[in-house]
PDB file of all heavy atoms in Angstrom:
ATOM      1  N   LYS A   1      10.189   0.936   2.822  1.00  0.00           N
ATOM      2  CA  LYS A   1      11.436   1.438   3.402  1.00  0.00           C
ATOM      3  C   LYS A   1      12.347   0.301   3.837  1.00  0.00           C
ATOM      4  O   LYS A   1      13.569   0.369   3.678  1.00  0.00           O
ATOM      5  CB  LYS A   1      11.126   2.359   4.577  1.00  0.00           C
ATOM      6  CG  LYS A   1      10.469   3.671   4.159  1.00  0.00           C
ATOM      7  CD  LYS A   1      10.159   4.549   5.358  1.00  0.00           C
ATOM      8  CE  LYS A   1       9.525   5.872   4.908  1.00  0.00           C
ATOM      9  NZ  LYS A   1       9.204   6.751   6.052  1.00  0.00           N
ATOM     10  N   SER A   2      11.728  -0.761   4.342  1.00  0.00           N
ATOM     11  CA  SER A   2      12.519  -1.917   4.776  1.00  0.00           C
ATOM     12  C   SER A   2      13.134  -2.650   3.583  1.00  0.00           C
ATOM     13  O   SER A   2      14.325  -2.979   3.598  1.00  0.00           O
ATOM     14  CB  SER A   2      11.638  -2.877   5.584  1.00  0.00           C
ATOM     15  OG  SER A   2      12.346  -4.039   5.940  1.00  0.00           O
ATOM     16  N   ALA A   3      12.330  -2.891   2.537  1.00  0.00           N
ATOM     17  CA  ALA A   3      12.794  -3.666   1.381  1.00  0.00           C
ATOM     18  C   ALA A   3      13.816  -2.895   0.555  1.00  0.00           C
ATOM     19  O   ALA A   3      14.874  -3.425   0.189  1.00  0.00           O
ATOM     20  CB  ALA A   3      11.607  -4.078   0.513  1.00  0.00           C
ATOM     21  N   VAL A   4      13.504  -1.642   0.239  1.00  0.00           N
ATOM     22  CA  VAL A   4      14.402  -0.843  -0.605  1.00  0.00           C
ATOM     23  C   VAL A   4      15.615  -0.386   0.185  1.00  0.00           C
ATOM     24  O   VAL A   4      16.735  -0.318  -0.337  1.00  0.00           O
ATOM     25  CB  VAL A   4      13.648   0.363  -1.206  1.00  0.00           C
ATOM     26  CG1 VAL A   4      14.583   1.236  -2.040  1.00  0.00           C
ATOM     27  CG2 VAL A   4      12.480  -0.115  -2.057  1.00  0.00           C
ATOM     28  N   GLY A   5      15.395  -0.073   1.460  1.00  0.00           N
ATOM     29  CA  GLY A   5      16.503   0.377   2.305  1.00  0.00           C
ATOM     30  C   GLY A   5      17.570  -0.674   2.523  1.00  0.00           C
ATOM     31  O   GLY A   5      18.715  -0.348   2.880  1.00  0.00           O
ATOM     32  N   ALA A   6      17.212  -1.933   2.304  1.00  0.00           N
ATOM     33  CA  ALA A   6      18.184  -3.019   2.483  1.00  0.00           C
ATOM     34  C   ALA A   6      19.120  -3.166   1.296  1.00  0.00           C
ATOM     35  O   ALA A   6      20.099  -3.922   1.367  1.00  0.00           O
ATOM     36  CB  ALA A   6      17.440  -4.328   2.732  1.00  0.00           C
ATOM     37  N   LEU A   7      18.831  -2.462   0.193  1.00  0.00           N
ATOM     38  CA  LEU A   7      19.676  -2.574  -0.994  1.00  0.00           C
ATOM     39  C   LEU A   7      21.012  -1.868  -0.784  1.00  0.00           C
ATOM     40  O   LEU A   7      21.102  -0.873  -0.052  1.00  0.00           O
ATOM     41  CB  LEU A   7      18.961  -1.963  -2.210  1.00  0.00           C
ATOM     42  CG  LEU A   7      17.669  -2.649  -2.652  1.00  0.00           C
ATOM     43  CD1 LEU A   7      17.012  -1.854  -3.777  1.00  0.00           C
ATOM     44  CD2 LEU A   7      17.952  -4.080  -3.124  1.00  0.00           C
ATOM     45  N   GLU A   8      22.011  -2.366  -1.469  1.00  0.00           N
ATOM     46  CA  GLU A   8      23.363  -1.814  -1.330  1.00  0.00           C
ATOM     47  C   GLU A   8      23.413  -0.369  -1.834  1.00  0.00           C
ATOM     48  O   GLU A   8      22.933  -0.051  -2.920  1.00  0.00           O
ATOM     49  CB  GLU A   8      24.356  -2.658  -2.128  1.00  0.00           C
ATOM     50  CG  GLU A   8      25.801  -2.201  -1.997  1.00  0.00           C
ATOM     51  CD  GLU A   8      26.753  -3.052  -2.814  1.00  0.00           C
ATOM     52  OE1 GLU A   8      26.282  -4.046  -3.405  1.00  0.00           O
ATOM     53  OE2 GLU A   8      27.939  -2.717  -2.875  1.00  0.00           O
ATOM     54  N   GLY A   9      23.980   0.504  -1.033  1.00  0.00           N
ATOM     55  CA  GLY A   9      24.174   1.896  -1.433  1.00  0.00           C
ATOM     56  C   GLY A   9      22.975   2.790  -1.226  1.00  0.00           C
ATOM     57  O   GLY A   9      23.032   3.979  -1.549  1.00  0.00           O
ATOM     58  N   ILE A  10      21.865   2.281  -0.696  1.00  0.00           N
ATOM     59  CA  ILE A  10      20.669   3.093  -0.447  1.00  0.00           C
ATOM     60  C   ILE A  10      20.646   3.485   1.030  1.00  0.00           C
ATOM     61  O   ILE A  10      20.500   2.636   1.910  1.00  0.00           O
ATOM     62  CB  ILE A  10      19.379   2.338  -0.810  1.00  0.00           C
ATOM     63  CG1 ILE A  10      19.412   1.883  -2.266  1.00  0.00           C
ATOM     64  CG2 ILE A  10      18.160   3.213  -0.533  1.00  0.00           C
ATOM     65  CD1 ILE A  10      19.514   3.001  -3.270  1.00  0.00           C
ATOM     66  N   ASP A  11      20.800   4.796   1.286  1.00  0.00           N
ATOM     67  CA  ASP A  11      20.851   5.292   2.669  1.00  0.00           C
ATOM     68  C   ASP A  11      19.515   5.836   3.149  1.00  0.00           C
ATOM     69  O   ASP A  11      19.223   5.818   4.339  1.00  0.00           O
ATOM     70  CB  ASP A  11      21.920   6.386   2.804  1.00  0.00           C
ATOM     71  CG  ASP A  11      23.326   5.856   2.542  1.00  0.00           C
ATOM     72  OD1 ASP A  11      23.542   4.644   2.758  1.00  0.00           O
ATOM     73  OD2 ASP A  11      24.187   6.647   2.111  1.00  0.00           O
ATOM     74  N   GLU A  12      18.697   6.349   2.207  1.00  0.00           N
ATOM     75  CA  GLU A  12      17.433   6.945   2.620  1.00  0.00           C
ATOM     76  C   GLU A  12      16.337   6.607   1.617  1.00  0.00           C
ATOM     77  O   GLU A  12      16.547   6.700   0.407  1.00  0.00           O
ATOM     78  CB  GLU A  12      17.566   8.462   2.746  1.00  0.00           C
ATOM     79  CG  GLU A  12      16.300   9.140   3.276  1.00  0.00           C
ATOM     80  CD  GLU A  12      16.485  10.632   3.501  1.00  0.00           C
ATOM     81  OE1 GLU A  12      17.566  11.166   3.156  1.00  0.00           O
ATOM     82  OE2 GLU A  12      15.547  11.263   4.013  1.00  0.00           O
ATOM     83  N   VAL A  13      15.171   6.208   2.119  1.00  0.00           N
ATOM     84  CA  VAL A  13      14.011   5.887   1.289  1.00  0.00           C
ATOM     85  C   VAL A  13      12.844   6.756   1.726  1.00  0.00           C
ATOM     86  O   VAL A  13      12.427   6.728   2.880  1.00  0.00           O
ATOM     87  CB  VAL A  13      13.621   4.398   1.401  1.00  0.00           C
ATOM     88  CG1 VAL A  13      12.417   4.104   0.509  1.00  0.00           C
ATOM     89  CG2 VAL A  13      14.787   3.499   1.037  1.00  0.00           C
ATOM     90  N   LYS A  14      12.330   7.548   0.776  1.00  0.00           N
ATOM     91  CA  LYS A  14      11.164   8.376   1.050  1.00  0.00           C
ATOM     92  C   LYS A  14       9.970   7.822   0.280  1.00  0.00           C
ATOM     93  O   LYS A  14      10.115   7.394  -0.864  1.00  0.00           O
ATOM     94  CB  LYS A  14      11.419   9.822   0.635  1.00  0.00           C
ATOM     95  CG  LYS A  14      12.531  10.506   1.430  1.00  0.00           C
ATOM     96  CD  LYS A  14      12.725  11.933   0.957  1.00  0.00           C
ATOM     97  CE  LYS A  14      13.836  12.627   1.746  1.00  0.00           C
ATOM     98  NZ  LYS A  14      14.056  14.020   1.287  1.00  0.00           N
ATOM     99  N   VAL A  15       8.813   7.839   0.896  1.00  0.00           N
ATOM    100  CA  VAL A  15       7.597   7.324   0.264  1.00  0.00           C
ATOM    101  C   VAL A  15       6.578   8.451   0.168  1.00  0.00           C
ATOM    102  O   VAL A  15       6.195   9.033   1.190  1.00  0.00           O
ATOM    103  CB  VAL A  15       7.002   6.134   1.040  1.00  0.00           C
ATOM    104  CG1 VAL A  15       5.734   5.643   0.366  1.00  0.00           C
ATOM    105  CG2 VAL A  15       8.013   5.005   1.149  1.00  0.00           C
ATOM    106  N   ARG A  16       6.174   8.771  -1.068  1.00  0.00           N
ATOM    107  CA  ARG A  16       5.124   9.760  -1.293  1.00  0.00           C
ATOM    108  C   ARG A  16       3.819   9.008  -1.533  1.00  0.00           C
ATOM    109  O   ARG A  16       3.668   8.281  -2.512  1.00  0.00           O
ATOM    110  CB  ARG A  16       5.464  10.634  -2.495  1.00  0.00           C
ATOM    111  CG  ARG A  16       4.386  11.686  -2.806  1.00  0.00           C
ATOM    112  CD  ARG A  16       4.704  12.399  -4.102  1.00  0.00           C
ATOM    113  NE  ARG A  16       5.948  13.142  -4.003  1.00  0.00           N
ATOM    114  CZ  ARG A  16       6.754  13.390  -5.018  1.00  0.00           C
ATOM    115  NH1 ARG A  16       6.466  12.896  -6.216  1.00  0.00           N
ATOM    116  NH2 ARG A  16       7.855  14.089  -4.847  1.00  0.00           N
ATOM    117  N   MET A  17       2.872   9.163  -0.640  1.00  0.00           N
ATOM    118  CA  MET A  17       1.645   8.369  -0.666  1.00  0.00           C
ATOM    119  C   MET A  17       0.447   9.252  -1.018  1.00  0.00           C
ATOM    120  O   MET A  17       0.154  10.222  -0.331  1.00  0.00           O
ATOM    121  CB  MET A  17       1.425   7.717   0.697  1.00  0.00           C
ATOM    122  CG  MET A  17       0.338   6.687   0.752  1.00  0.00           C
ATOM    123  SD  MET A  17       0.828   5.066   0.074  1.00  0.00           S
ATOM    124  CE  MET A  17       2.064   4.526   1.249  1.00  0.00           C
ATOM    125  N   GLU A  18      -0.234   8.915  -2.123  1.00  0.00           N
ATOM    126  CA  GLU A  18      -1.484   9.586  -2.488  1.00  0.00           C
ATOM    127  C   GLU A  18      -2.631   8.629  -2.182  1.00  0.00           C
ATOM    128  O   GLU A  18      -2.728   7.556  -2.778  1.00  0.00           O
ATOM    129  CB  GLU A  18      -1.484   9.958  -3.966  1.00  0.00           C
ATOM    130  CG  GLU A  18      -0.440  11.013  -4.333  1.00  0.00           C
ATOM    131  CD  GLU A  18      -0.549  11.438  -5.778  1.00  0.00           C
ATOM    132  OE1 GLU A  18      -1.632  11.220  -6.374  1.00  0.00           O
ATOM    133  OE2 GLU A  18       0.436  11.973  -6.313  1.00  0.00           O
ATOM    134  N   ILE A  19      -3.501   9.047  -1.273  1.00  0.00           N
ATOM    135  CA  ILE A  19      -4.562   8.164  -0.782  1.00  0.00           C
ATOM    136  C   ILE A  19      -5.922   8.711  -1.188  1.00  0.00           C
ATOM    137  O   ILE A  19      -6.234   9.883  -0.954  1.00  0.00           O
ATOM    138  CB  ILE A  19      -4.497   8.018   0.751  1.00  0.00           C
ATOM    139  CG1 ILE A  19      -3.095   7.569   1.182  1.00  0.00           C
ATOM    140  CG2 ILE A  19      -5.558   7.042   1.244  1.00  0.00           C
ATOM    141  CD1 ILE A  19      -2.867   7.625   2.675  1.00  0.00           C
ATOM    142  N   SER A  20      -6.731   7.859  -1.823  1.00  0.00           N
ATOM    143  CA  SER A  20      -8.097   8.228  -2.193  1.00  0.00           C
ATOM    144  C   SER A  20      -9.072   7.361  -1.414  1.00  0.00           C
ATOM    145  O   SER A  20      -8.797   6.187  -1.137  1.00  0.00           O
ATOM    146  CB  SER A  20      -8.328   8.030  -3.698  1.00  0.00           C
ATOM    147  OG  SER A  20      -7.422   8.812  -4.443  1.00  0.00           O
ATOM    148  N   GLN A  21     -10.199   7.950  -1.051  1.00  0.00           N
ATOM    149  CA  GLN A  21     -11.235   7.197  -0.347  1.00  0.00           C
ATOM    150  C   GLN A  21     -12.141   6.507  -1.360  1.00  0.00           C
ATOM    151  O   GLN A  21     -12.559   7.126  -2.345  1.00  0.00           O
ATOM    152  CB  GLN A  21     -12.074   8.131   0.526  1.00  0.00           C
ATOM    153  CG  GLN A  21     -11.315   8.720   1.698  1.00  0.00           C
ATOM    154  CD  GLN A  21     -10.956   7.671   2.729  1.00  0.00           C
ATOM    155  OE1 GLN A  21     -11.745   6.775   3.021  1.00  0.00           O
ATOM    156  NE2 GLN A  21      -9.757   7.779   3.286  1.00  0.00           N
ATOM    157  N   PRO A  22     -12.443   5.227  -1.182  1.00  0.00           N
ATOM    158  CA  PRO A  22     -13.360   4.538  -2.106  1.00  0.00           C
ATOM    159  C   PRO A  22     -14.754   5.120  -1.997  1.00  0.00           C
ATOM    160  O   PRO A  22     -15.211   5.487  -0.914  1.00  0.00           O
ATOM    161  CB  PRO A  22     -13.325   3.078  -1.621  1.00  0.00           C
ATOM    162  CG  PRO A  22     -12.913   3.166  -0.186  1.00  0.00           C
ATOM    163  CD  PRO A  22     -11.999   4.358  -0.086  1.00  0.00           C
ATOM    164  N   LYS A  23     -15.438   5.206  -3.163  1.00  0.00           N
ATOM    165  CA  LYS A  23     -16.811   5.723  -3.159  1.00  0.00           C
ATOM    166  C   LYS A  23     -17.777   4.740  -2.535  1.00  0.00           C
ATOM    167  O   LYS A  23     -18.788   5.109  -1.986  1.00  0.00           O
ATOM    168  CB  LYS A  23     -17.242   6.055  -4.593  1.00  0.00           C
ATOM    169  CG  LYS A  23     -16.432   7.200  -5.180  1.00  0.00           C
ATOM    170  CD  LYS A  23     -16.901   7.551  -6.564  1.00  0.00           C
ATOM    171  CE  LYS A  23     -16.094   8.704  -7.140  1.00  0.00           C
ATOM    172  NZ  LYS A  23     -16.527   9.065  -8.509  1.00  0.00           N
ATOM    173  N   GLN A  24     -17.454   3.450  -2.656  1.00  0.00           N
ATOM    174  CA  GLN A  24     -18.247   2.418  -1.986  1.00  0.00           C
ATOM    175  C   GLN A  24     -17.311   1.670  -1.067  1.00  0.00           C
ATOM    176  O   GLN A  24     -16.223   1.264  -1.463  1.00  0.00           O
ATOM    177  CB  GLN A  24     -18.873   1.449  -2.989  1.00  0.00           C
ATOM    178  CG  GLN A  24     -19.945   2.095  -3.826  1.00  0.00           C
ATOM    179  CD  GLN A  24     -20.714   1.057  -4.604  1.00  0.00           C
ATOM    180  OE1 GLN A  24     -20.515  -0.140  -4.439  1.00  0.00           O
ATOM    181  NE2 GLN A  24     -21.609   1.502  -5.454  1.00  0.00           N
ATOM    182  N   GLN A  25     -17.724   1.498   0.174  1.00  0.00           N
ATOM    183  CA  GLN A  25     -16.857   0.872   1.157  1.00  0.00           C
ATOM    184  C   GLN A  25     -16.550  -0.577   0.777  1.00  0.00           C
ATOM    185  O   GLN A  25     -17.445  -1.405   0.685  1.00  0.00           O
ATOM    186  CB  GLN A  25     -17.530   0.901   2.535  1.00  0.00           C
ATOM    187  CG  GLN A  25     -16.703   0.288   3.644  1.00  0.00           C
ATOM    188  CD  GLN A  25     -15.455   1.099   3.932  1.00  0.00           C
ATOM    189  OE1 GLN A  25     -15.418   2.290   3.704  1.00  0.00           O
ATOM    190  NE2 GLN A  25     -14.431   0.457   4.418  1.00  0.00           N
ATOM    191  N   PRO A  26     -15.285  -0.925   0.530  1.00  0.00           N
ATOM    192  CA  PRO A  26     -14.950  -2.305   0.201  1.00  0.00           C
ATOM    193  C   PRO A  26     -14.911  -3.182   1.430  1.00  0.00           C
ATOM    194  O   PRO A  26     -14.957  -2.690   2.555  1.00  0.00           O
ATOM    195  CB  PRO A  26     -13.557  -2.172  -0.415  1.00  0.00           C
ATOM    196  CG  PRO A  26     -12.980  -0.974   0.258  1.00  0.00           C
ATOM    197  CD  PRO A  26     -14.133  -0.045   0.518  1.00  0.00           C
ATOM    198  N   SER A  27     -14.801  -4.458   1.209  1.00  0.00           N
ATOM    199  CA  SER A  27     -14.655  -5.389   2.315  1.00  0.00           C
ATOM    200  C   SER A  27     -13.347  -5.107   3.023  1.00  0.00           C
ATOM    201  O   SER A  27     -12.400  -4.613   2.427  1.00  0.00           O
ATOM    202  CB  SER A  27     -14.659  -6.831   1.804  1.00  0.00           C
ATOM    203  OG  SER A  27     -15.879  -7.103   1.163  1.00  0.00           O
ATOM    204  N   PRO A  28     -13.233  -5.439   4.313  1.00  0.00           N
ATOM    205  CA  PRO A  28     -11.990  -5.202   5.026  1.00  0.00           C
ATOM    206  C   PRO A  28     -10.830  -5.919   4.345  1.00  0.00           C
ATOM    207  O   PRO A  28     -10.979  -7.008   3.829  1.00  0.00           O
ATOM    208  CB  PRO A  28     -12.269  -5.807   6.424  1.00  0.00           C
ATOM    209  CG  PRO A  28     -13.753  -5.825   6.540  1.00  0.00           C
ATOM    210  CD  PRO A  28     -14.274  -6.036   5.177  1.00  0.00           C
ATOM    211  N   ALA A  29      -9.670  -5.289   4.367  1.00  0.00           N
ATOM    212  CA  ALA A  29      -8.504  -5.894   3.730  1.00  0.00           C
ATOM    213  C   ALA A  29      -8.229  -7.250   4.346  1.00  0.00           C
ATOM    214  O   ALA A  29      -8.201  -7.414   5.554  1.00  0.00           O
ATOM    215  CB  ALA A  29      -7.279  -4.983   3.906  1.00  0.00           C
ATOM    216  N   GLY A  30      -8.038  -8.220   3.483  1.00  0.00           N
ATOM    217  CA  GLY A  30      -7.733  -9.558   3.963  1.00  0.00           C
ATOM    218  C   GLY A  30      -8.947 -10.427   4.124  1.00  0.00           C
ATOM    219  O   GLY A  30      -8.823 -11.606   4.395  1.00  0.00           O
ATOM    220  N   ALA A  31     -10.150  -9.845   4.001  1.00  0.00           N
ATOM    221  CA  ALA A  31     -11.349 -10.664   4.125  1.00  0.00           C
ATOM    222  C   ALA A  31     -11.437 -11.620   2.954  1.00  0.00           C
ATOM    223  O   ALA A  31     -10.940 -11.353   1.873  1.00  0.00           O
ATOM    224  CB  ALA A  31     -12.592  -9.771   4.164  1.00  0.00           C
ATOM    225  N   ALA A  32     -12.073 -12.747   3.178  1.00  0.00           N
ATOM    226  CA  ALA A  32     -12.146 -13.768   2.136  1.00  0.00           C
ATOM    227  C   ALA A  32     -12.789 -13.216   0.889  1.00  0.00           C
ATOM    228  O   ALA A  32     -13.879 -12.665   0.929  1.00  0.00           O
ATOM    229  CB  ALA A  32     -12.950 -14.967   2.657  1.00  0.00           C
ATOM    230  N   GLY A  33     -12.098 -13.349  -0.231  1.00  0.00           N
ATOM    231  CA  GLY A  33     -12.643 -12.955  -1.518  1.00  0.00           C
ATOM    232  C   GLY A  33     -12.522 -11.482  -1.824  1.00  0.00           C
ATOM    233  O   GLY A  33     -12.877 -11.042  -2.893  1.00  0.00           O
ATOM    234  N   SER A  34     -12.034 -10.645  -0.883  1.00  0.00           N
ATOM    235  CA  SER A  34     -11.963  -9.217  -1.144  1.00  0.00           C
ATOM    236  C   SER A  34     -10.699  -8.874  -1.898  1.00  0.00           C
ATOM    237  O   SER A  34      -9.720  -9.604  -1.897  1.00  0.00           O
ATOM    238  CB  SER A  34     -11.990  -8.444   0.177  1.00  0.00           C
ATOM    239  OG  SER A  34     -10.836  -8.712   0.944  1.00  0.00           O
ATOM    240  N   LYS A  35     -10.745  -7.715  -2.592  1.00  0.00           N
ATOM    241  CA  LYS A  35      -9.602  -7.260  -3.369  1.00  0.00           C
ATOM    242  C   LYS A  35      -9.413  -5.772  -3.120  1.00  0.00           C
ATOM    243  O   LYS A  35     -10.382  -5.039  -3.013  1.00  0.00           O
ATOM    244  CB  LYS A  35      -9.840  -7.484  -4.873  1.00  0.00           C
ATOM    245  CG  LYS A  35     -10.050  -8.931  -5.252  1.00  0.00           C
ATOM    246  CD  LYS A  35     -10.285  -9.030  -6.743  1.00  0.00           C
ATOM    247  CE  LYS A  35     -10.524 -10.473  -7.161  1.00  0.00           C
ATOM    248  NZ  LYS A  35     -10.762 -10.589  -8.597  1.00  0.00           N
ATOM    249  N   PRO A  36      -8.166  -5.298  -3.053  1.00  0.00           N
ATOM    250  CA  PRO A  36      -7.952  -3.879  -2.898  1.00  0.00           C
ATOM    251  C   PRO A  36      -8.364  -3.121  -4.150  1.00  0.00           C
ATOM    252  O   PRO A  36      -8.302  -3.636  -5.255  1.00  0.00           O
ATOM    253  CB  PRO A  36      -6.426  -3.783  -2.678  1.00  0.00           C
ATOM    254  CG  PRO A  36      -5.884  -5.006  -3.336  1.00  0.00           C
ATOM    255  CD  PRO A  36      -6.921  -6.062  -3.160  1.00  0.00           C
ATOM    256  N   ASN A  37      -8.772  -1.839  -3.959  1.00  0.00           N
ATOM    257  CA  ASN A  37      -9.104  -0.952  -5.078  1.00  0.00           C
ATOM    258  C   ASN A  37     -10.321  -1.406  -5.875  1.00  0.00           C
ATOM    259  O   ASN A  37     -10.517  -0.996  -7.000  1.00  0.00           O
ATOM    260  CB  ASN A  37      -7.923  -0.803  -6.044  1.00  0.00           C
ATOM    261  CG  ASN A  37      -6.774  -0.061  -5.406  1.00  0.00           C
ATOM    262  OD1 ASN A  37      -6.937   0.634  -4.410  1.00  0.00           O
ATOM    263  ND2 ASN A  37      -5.595  -0.214  -5.976  1.00  0.00           N
ATOM    264  N   THR A  38     -11.159  -2.282  -5.338  1.00  0.00           N
ATOM    265  CA  THR A  38     -12.369  -2.677  -6.045  1.00  0.00           C
ATOM    266  C   THR A  38     -13.567  -2.444  -5.149  1.00  0.00           C
ATOM    267  O   THR A  38     -13.479  -2.498  -3.930  1.00  0.00           O
ATOM    268  CB  THR A  38     -12.336  -4.169  -6.438  1.00  0.00           C
ATOM    269  OG1 THR A  38     -12.131  -4.958  -5.273  1.00  0.00           O
ATOM    270  CG2 THR A  38     -11.245  -4.444  -7.443  1.00  0.00           C
ATOM    271  N   SER A  39     -14.708  -2.171  -5.763  1.00  0.00           N
ATOM    272  CA  SER A  39     -15.927  -1.930  -5.010  1.00  0.00           C
ATOM    273  C   SER A  39     -16.566  -3.254  -4.619  1.00  0.00           C
ATOM    274  O   SER A  39     -16.138  -4.331  -5.029  1.00  0.00           O
ATOM    275  CB  SER A  39     -16.903  -1.122  -5.864  1.00  0.00           C
ATOM    276  OG  SER A  39     -17.339  -1.915  -6.955  1.00  0.00           O
TER     277      SER A  39
END
């Protein structure tokens, strides 16, 4: 919303978020060597 909303002529930004739970718990986001969306 911040990045797209800053564009010229854009008054409203809506985000539709589809969230799935991983079948195997991944490492915490940002942990060394971890990657999003991977087991």
